[in-house]
N, C-alpha and C. Protein backbone atom coordinates (compact mmCIF):
# COMPACT_ATOMS: atom_id res chain seq x y z
N MET A 1 12.16 -100.00 -126.70
CA MET A 1 12.67 -100.01 -125.35
C MET A 1 13.88 -99.08 -125.27
N ASN A 2 13.93 -98.31 -124.23
CA ASN A 2 15.05 -97.41 -124.03
C ASN A 2 16.34 -98.21 -123.86
N LYS A 3 17.45 -97.66 -124.33
CA LYS A 3 18.69 -98.43 -124.32
C LYS A 3 19.28 -98.60 -122.93
N SER A 4 18.96 -97.73 -122.03
CA SER A 4 19.52 -97.87 -120.68
C SER A 4 18.53 -98.48 -119.69
N SER A 5 17.35 -98.86 -120.14
CA SER A 5 16.34 -99.37 -119.19
C SER A 5 16.73 -100.73 -118.62
N LEU A 6 17.38 -101.58 -119.41
CA LEU A 6 17.81 -102.87 -118.88
C LEU A 6 18.89 -102.70 -117.82
N ARG A 7 19.81 -101.80 -118.07
CA ARG A 7 20.86 -101.52 -117.09
C ARG A 7 20.25 -100.94 -115.81
N ASN A 8 19.30 -100.03 -115.97
CA ASN A 8 18.65 -99.44 -114.80
C ASN A 8 17.87 -100.49 -114.01
N ALA A 9 17.26 -101.42 -114.70
CA ALA A 9 16.53 -102.49 -114.01
C ALA A 9 17.50 -103.39 -113.25
N ALA A 10 18.67 -103.66 -113.84
CA ALA A 10 19.67 -104.47 -113.15
C ALA A 10 20.19 -103.76 -111.91
N ILE A 11 20.42 -102.47 -112.03
CA ILE A 11 20.88 -101.69 -110.88
C ILE A 11 19.80 -101.64 -109.81
N SER A 12 18.55 -101.58 -110.21
CA SER A 12 17.45 -101.61 -109.24
C SER A 12 17.39 -102.94 -108.51
N CYS A 13 17.63 -104.03 -109.21
CA CYS A 13 17.68 -105.34 -108.56
C CYS A 13 18.80 -105.40 -107.53
N LEU A 14 19.95 -104.84 -107.88
CA LEU A 14 21.07 -104.83 -106.94
C LEU A 14 20.79 -103.93 -105.75
N ALA A 15 20.11 -102.82 -105.99
CA ALA A 15 19.75 -101.93 -104.88
C ALA A 15 18.77 -102.61 -103.93
N LEU A 16 17.81 -103.34 -104.48
CA LEU A 16 16.87 -104.10 -103.66
C LEU A 16 17.60 -105.17 -102.86
N TRP A 17 18.54 -105.85 -103.50
CA TRP A 17 19.34 -106.87 -102.84
C TRP A 17 20.10 -106.27 -101.66
N ALA A 18 20.76 -105.14 -101.88
CA ALA A 18 21.54 -104.50 -100.81
C ALA A 18 20.64 -104.01 -99.68
N THR A 19 19.48 -103.49 -100.02
CA THR A 19 18.56 -102.99 -99.00
C THR A 19 18.06 -104.11 -98.10
N ILE A 20 17.71 -105.23 -98.69
CA ILE A 20 17.21 -106.35 -97.88
C ILE A 20 18.34 -106.92 -97.03
N TRP A 21 19.56 -107.00 -97.58
CA TRP A 21 20.67 -107.49 -96.79
C TRP A 21 20.96 -106.56 -95.62
N LEU A 22 20.89 -105.26 -95.84
CA LEU A 22 21.09 -104.31 -94.74
C LEU A 22 19.99 -104.45 -93.69
N ALA A 23 18.77 -104.74 -94.13
CA ALA A 23 17.68 -104.97 -93.17
C ALA A 23 17.95 -106.24 -92.36
N PHE A 24 18.42 -107.30 -93.03
CA PHE A 24 18.77 -108.53 -92.31
C PHE A 24 19.86 -108.26 -91.28
N LEU A 25 20.88 -107.51 -91.67
CA LEU A 25 21.98 -107.23 -90.76
C LEU A 25 21.53 -106.36 -89.59
N SER A 26 20.68 -105.39 -89.86
CA SER A 26 20.19 -104.54 -88.77
C SER A 26 19.31 -105.32 -87.81
N ILE A 27 18.54 -106.27 -88.31
CA ILE A 27 17.74 -107.12 -87.43
C ILE A 27 18.65 -108.04 -86.62
N ARG A 28 19.69 -108.53 -87.26
CA ARG A 28 20.60 -109.46 -86.59
C ARG A 28 21.35 -108.80 -85.43
N PHE A 29 21.80 -107.58 -85.63
CA PHE A 29 22.62 -106.92 -84.63
C PHE A 29 21.84 -105.99 -83.71
N SER A 30 20.53 -105.98 -83.82
CA SER A 30 19.73 -105.16 -82.90
C SER A 30 19.21 -106.03 -81.77
N SER A 31 18.66 -105.40 -80.78
CA SER A 31 18.11 -106.14 -79.64
C SER A 31 16.65 -106.56 -79.89
N LEU A 32 16.10 -106.17 -81.02
CA LEU A 32 14.72 -106.52 -81.34
C LEU A 32 14.61 -108.00 -81.67
N ASP A 33 13.71 -108.68 -81.02
CA ASP A 33 13.46 -110.09 -81.30
C ASP A 33 12.23 -110.19 -82.20
N ILE A 34 12.46 -110.46 -83.47
CA ILE A 34 11.35 -110.45 -84.42
C ILE A 34 10.52 -111.73 -84.36
N ARG A 35 10.98 -112.72 -83.61
CA ARG A 35 10.22 -113.97 -83.53
C ARG A 35 8.89 -113.80 -82.81
N VAL A 36 8.75 -112.73 -82.03
CA VAL A 36 7.50 -112.51 -81.29
C VAL A 36 6.46 -111.77 -82.13
N ILE A 37 6.84 -111.30 -83.31
CA ILE A 37 5.90 -110.59 -84.17
C ILE A 37 5.06 -111.62 -84.92
N PRO A 38 3.73 -111.58 -84.80
CA PRO A 38 2.90 -112.57 -85.48
C PRO A 38 2.95 -112.38 -87.00
N GLY A 39 3.11 -113.46 -87.71
CA GLY A 39 3.10 -113.44 -89.17
C GLY A 39 4.39 -112.99 -89.81
N ILE A 40 5.49 -112.93 -89.04
CA ILE A 40 6.74 -112.45 -89.61
C ILE A 40 7.45 -113.55 -90.41
N GLY A 41 7.14 -114.79 -90.15
CA GLY A 41 7.81 -115.90 -90.84
C GLY A 41 7.66 -115.85 -92.35
N PRO A 42 6.43 -115.78 -92.88
CA PRO A 42 6.28 -115.70 -94.33
C PRO A 42 6.90 -114.45 -94.96
N ILE A 43 6.87 -113.35 -94.22
CA ILE A 43 7.47 -112.11 -94.74
C ILE A 43 8.98 -112.27 -94.87
N MET A 44 9.60 -112.86 -93.86
CA MET A 44 11.05 -113.06 -93.90
C MET A 44 11.42 -114.12 -94.94
N LEU A 45 10.56 -115.09 -95.16
CA LEU A 45 10.83 -116.09 -96.18
C LEU A 45 10.77 -115.47 -97.57
N VAL A 46 9.82 -114.58 -97.81
CA VAL A 46 9.75 -113.87 -99.08
C VAL A 46 10.97 -112.97 -99.26
N ALA A 47 11.40 -112.32 -98.18
CA ALA A 47 12.59 -111.47 -98.25
C ALA A 47 13.83 -112.31 -98.57
N LEU A 48 13.94 -113.48 -97.98
CA LEU A 48 15.07 -114.36 -98.28
C LEU A 48 15.04 -114.83 -99.73
N GLY A 49 13.86 -115.17 -100.23
CA GLY A 49 13.74 -115.55 -101.63
C GLY A 49 14.10 -114.41 -102.56
N SER A 50 13.70 -113.20 -102.20
CA SER A 50 14.05 -112.04 -103.01
C SER A 50 15.56 -111.81 -103.03
N VAL A 51 16.19 -112.00 -101.88
CA VAL A 51 17.64 -111.82 -101.80
C VAL A 51 18.36 -112.87 -102.64
N LEU A 52 17.82 -114.07 -102.68
CA LEU A 52 18.46 -115.12 -103.47
C LEU A 52 18.27 -114.92 -104.97
N LEU A 53 17.13 -114.38 -105.38
CA LEU A 53 16.84 -114.25 -106.80
C LEU A 53 17.24 -112.91 -107.41
N ALA A 54 17.41 -111.88 -106.61
CA ALA A 54 17.72 -110.55 -107.15
C ALA A 54 19.05 -110.51 -107.91
N PRO A 55 20.14 -111.13 -107.41
CA PRO A 55 21.37 -111.12 -108.22
C PRO A 55 21.24 -111.89 -109.53
N LEU A 56 20.46 -112.96 -109.52
CA LEU A 56 20.26 -113.71 -110.78
C LEU A 56 19.51 -112.86 -111.80
N ALA A 57 18.48 -112.17 -111.35
CA ALA A 57 17.74 -111.29 -112.26
C ALA A 57 18.63 -110.16 -112.75
N ALA A 58 19.49 -109.62 -111.88
CA ALA A 58 20.40 -108.56 -112.28
C ALA A 58 21.42 -109.06 -113.29
N ILE A 59 21.90 -110.29 -113.11
CA ILE A 59 22.84 -110.87 -114.08
C ILE A 59 22.19 -111.00 -115.44
N VAL A 60 20.97 -111.50 -115.47
CA VAL A 60 20.27 -111.67 -116.75
C VAL A 60 20.03 -110.31 -117.42
N LEU A 61 19.53 -109.36 -116.66
CA LEU A 61 19.24 -108.04 -117.23
C LEU A 61 20.50 -107.33 -117.71
N ALA A 62 21.55 -107.36 -116.91
CA ALA A 62 22.81 -106.72 -117.31
C ALA A 62 23.47 -107.46 -118.46
N GLY A 63 23.31 -108.78 -118.50
CA GLY A 63 23.85 -109.55 -119.63
C GLY A 63 23.16 -109.20 -120.93
N VAL A 64 21.85 -109.08 -120.89
CA VAL A 64 21.12 -108.68 -122.10
C VAL A 64 21.49 -107.26 -122.52
N ALA A 65 21.65 -106.37 -121.54
CA ALA A 65 22.06 -105.01 -121.87
C ALA A 65 23.46 -104.98 -122.47
N SER A 66 24.35 -105.85 -121.98
CA SER A 66 25.71 -105.91 -122.52
C SER A 66 25.74 -106.50 -123.92
N VAL A 67 24.85 -107.43 -124.20
CA VAL A 67 24.78 -108.01 -125.54
C VAL A 67 24.20 -106.99 -126.52
N ARG A 68 23.22 -106.23 -126.08
CA ARG A 68 22.60 -105.23 -126.96
C ARG A 68 23.52 -104.05 -127.23
N GLN A 69 24.31 -103.67 -126.23
CA GLN A 69 25.24 -102.54 -126.37
C GLN A 69 26.60 -102.95 -125.81
N PRO A 70 27.40 -103.67 -126.58
CA PRO A 70 28.66 -104.18 -126.02
C PRO A 70 29.72 -103.11 -125.77
N LYS A 71 29.60 -101.93 -126.36
CA LYS A 71 30.62 -100.91 -126.18
C LYS A 71 30.38 -99.98 -125.00
N VAL A 72 29.23 -100.13 -124.34
CA VAL A 72 28.91 -99.29 -123.19
C VAL A 72 29.49 -99.96 -121.94
N SER A 73 30.45 -99.29 -121.33
CA SER A 73 31.14 -99.91 -120.19
C SER A 73 30.27 -99.98 -118.94
N TRP A 74 29.27 -99.13 -118.82
CA TRP A 74 28.37 -99.18 -117.66
C TRP A 74 27.60 -100.49 -117.63
N ASN A 75 27.26 -101.04 -118.80
CA ASN A 75 26.57 -102.33 -118.84
C ASN A 75 27.47 -103.44 -118.30
N TRP A 76 28.74 -103.41 -118.67
CA TRP A 76 29.67 -104.42 -118.19
C TRP A 76 29.93 -104.27 -116.70
N LEU A 77 29.95 -103.03 -116.23
CA LEU A 77 30.13 -102.79 -114.80
C LEU A 77 28.93 -103.31 -114.00
N ALA A 78 27.74 -103.10 -114.51
CA ALA A 78 26.54 -103.63 -113.84
C ALA A 78 26.56 -105.16 -113.84
N LEU A 79 27.01 -105.76 -114.95
CA LEU A 79 27.11 -107.22 -115.01
C LEU A 79 28.15 -107.74 -114.02
N ALA A 80 29.27 -107.05 -113.91
CA ALA A 80 30.31 -107.48 -112.97
C ALA A 80 29.83 -107.34 -111.53
N CYS A 81 29.13 -106.27 -111.22
CA CYS A 81 28.60 -106.08 -109.86
C CYS A 81 27.56 -107.15 -109.53
N ALA A 82 26.72 -107.47 -110.48
CA ALA A 82 25.71 -108.50 -110.24
C ALA A 82 26.36 -109.87 -110.04
N ALA A 83 27.37 -110.17 -110.84
CA ALA A 83 28.06 -111.45 -110.68
C ALA A 83 28.80 -111.51 -109.35
N ALA A 84 29.42 -110.39 -108.95
CA ALA A 84 30.12 -110.35 -107.67
C ALA A 84 29.14 -110.53 -106.52
N ALA A 85 27.97 -109.91 -106.61
CA ALA A 85 26.95 -110.06 -105.56
C ALA A 85 26.48 -111.51 -105.49
N PHE A 86 26.28 -112.13 -106.64
CA PHE A 86 25.79 -113.51 -106.68
C PHE A 86 26.82 -114.47 -106.10
N PHE A 87 28.06 -114.36 -106.55
CA PHE A 87 29.08 -115.29 -106.07
C PHE A 87 29.50 -114.99 -104.63
N GLY A 88 29.49 -113.72 -104.24
CA GLY A 88 29.77 -113.39 -102.85
C GLY A 88 28.71 -113.91 -101.91
N GLN A 89 27.46 -113.81 -102.32
CA GLN A 89 26.36 -114.35 -101.52
C GLN A 89 26.45 -115.86 -101.45
N GLY A 90 26.75 -116.49 -102.57
CA GLY A 90 26.91 -117.95 -102.57
C GLY A 90 28.04 -118.40 -101.67
N PHE A 91 29.16 -117.67 -101.71
CA PHE A 91 30.28 -117.99 -100.84
C PHE A 91 29.90 -117.81 -99.37
N LEU A 92 29.17 -116.75 -99.07
CA LEU A 92 28.74 -116.49 -97.70
C LEU A 92 27.83 -117.61 -97.21
N PHE A 93 26.90 -118.06 -98.04
CA PHE A 93 26.02 -119.16 -97.64
C PHE A 93 26.80 -120.46 -97.49
N PHE A 94 27.82 -120.64 -98.34
CA PHE A 94 28.59 -121.89 -98.32
C PHE A 94 29.45 -121.99 -97.06
N VAL A 95 30.08 -120.89 -96.66
CA VAL A 95 31.00 -120.96 -95.52
C VAL A 95 30.29 -120.77 -94.18
N SER A 96 29.09 -120.22 -94.20
CA SER A 96 28.39 -120.04 -92.92
C SER A 96 27.65 -121.32 -92.57
N SER A 97 27.41 -121.47 -91.31
CA SER A 97 26.73 -122.69 -90.84
C SER A 97 25.36 -122.38 -90.26
N TRP A 98 24.76 -121.30 -90.70
CA TRP A 98 23.47 -120.94 -90.12
C TRP A 98 22.31 -121.63 -90.80
N MET A 99 22.51 -122.23 -91.95
CA MET A 99 21.40 -122.94 -92.60
C MET A 99 21.54 -124.42 -92.42
C-alpha cells in the first residue's frame, strides 16, 4: 500500500463531508422547496448518514496513517482536521434544535 494513500483517503472523506454540508446549506438558503421532489427523502437520509459517518472514517484513516508514519506532519494535520470536523459537527447538532 502506498504510504500516502491512507492520508489521501482521509482527505477525500473530509472533502465529501464538506461538499454534502455545502449542498445542505445551499438547499437551506435557497428558495427551492425540495419536499415536492418525489423520492427525495431516502436520498437526503443517505446524505445525512454520509455526513455523520465521513468524519469518523477520516479519523480512523488519518489515525492509521499517523501510526504508520508518525513523523509526517501532514498525517497529523489530516487527523486534526477530521477530529475538528467531527467535534464541530457534534457541537452543531447538540446546540441546534432542528432534530
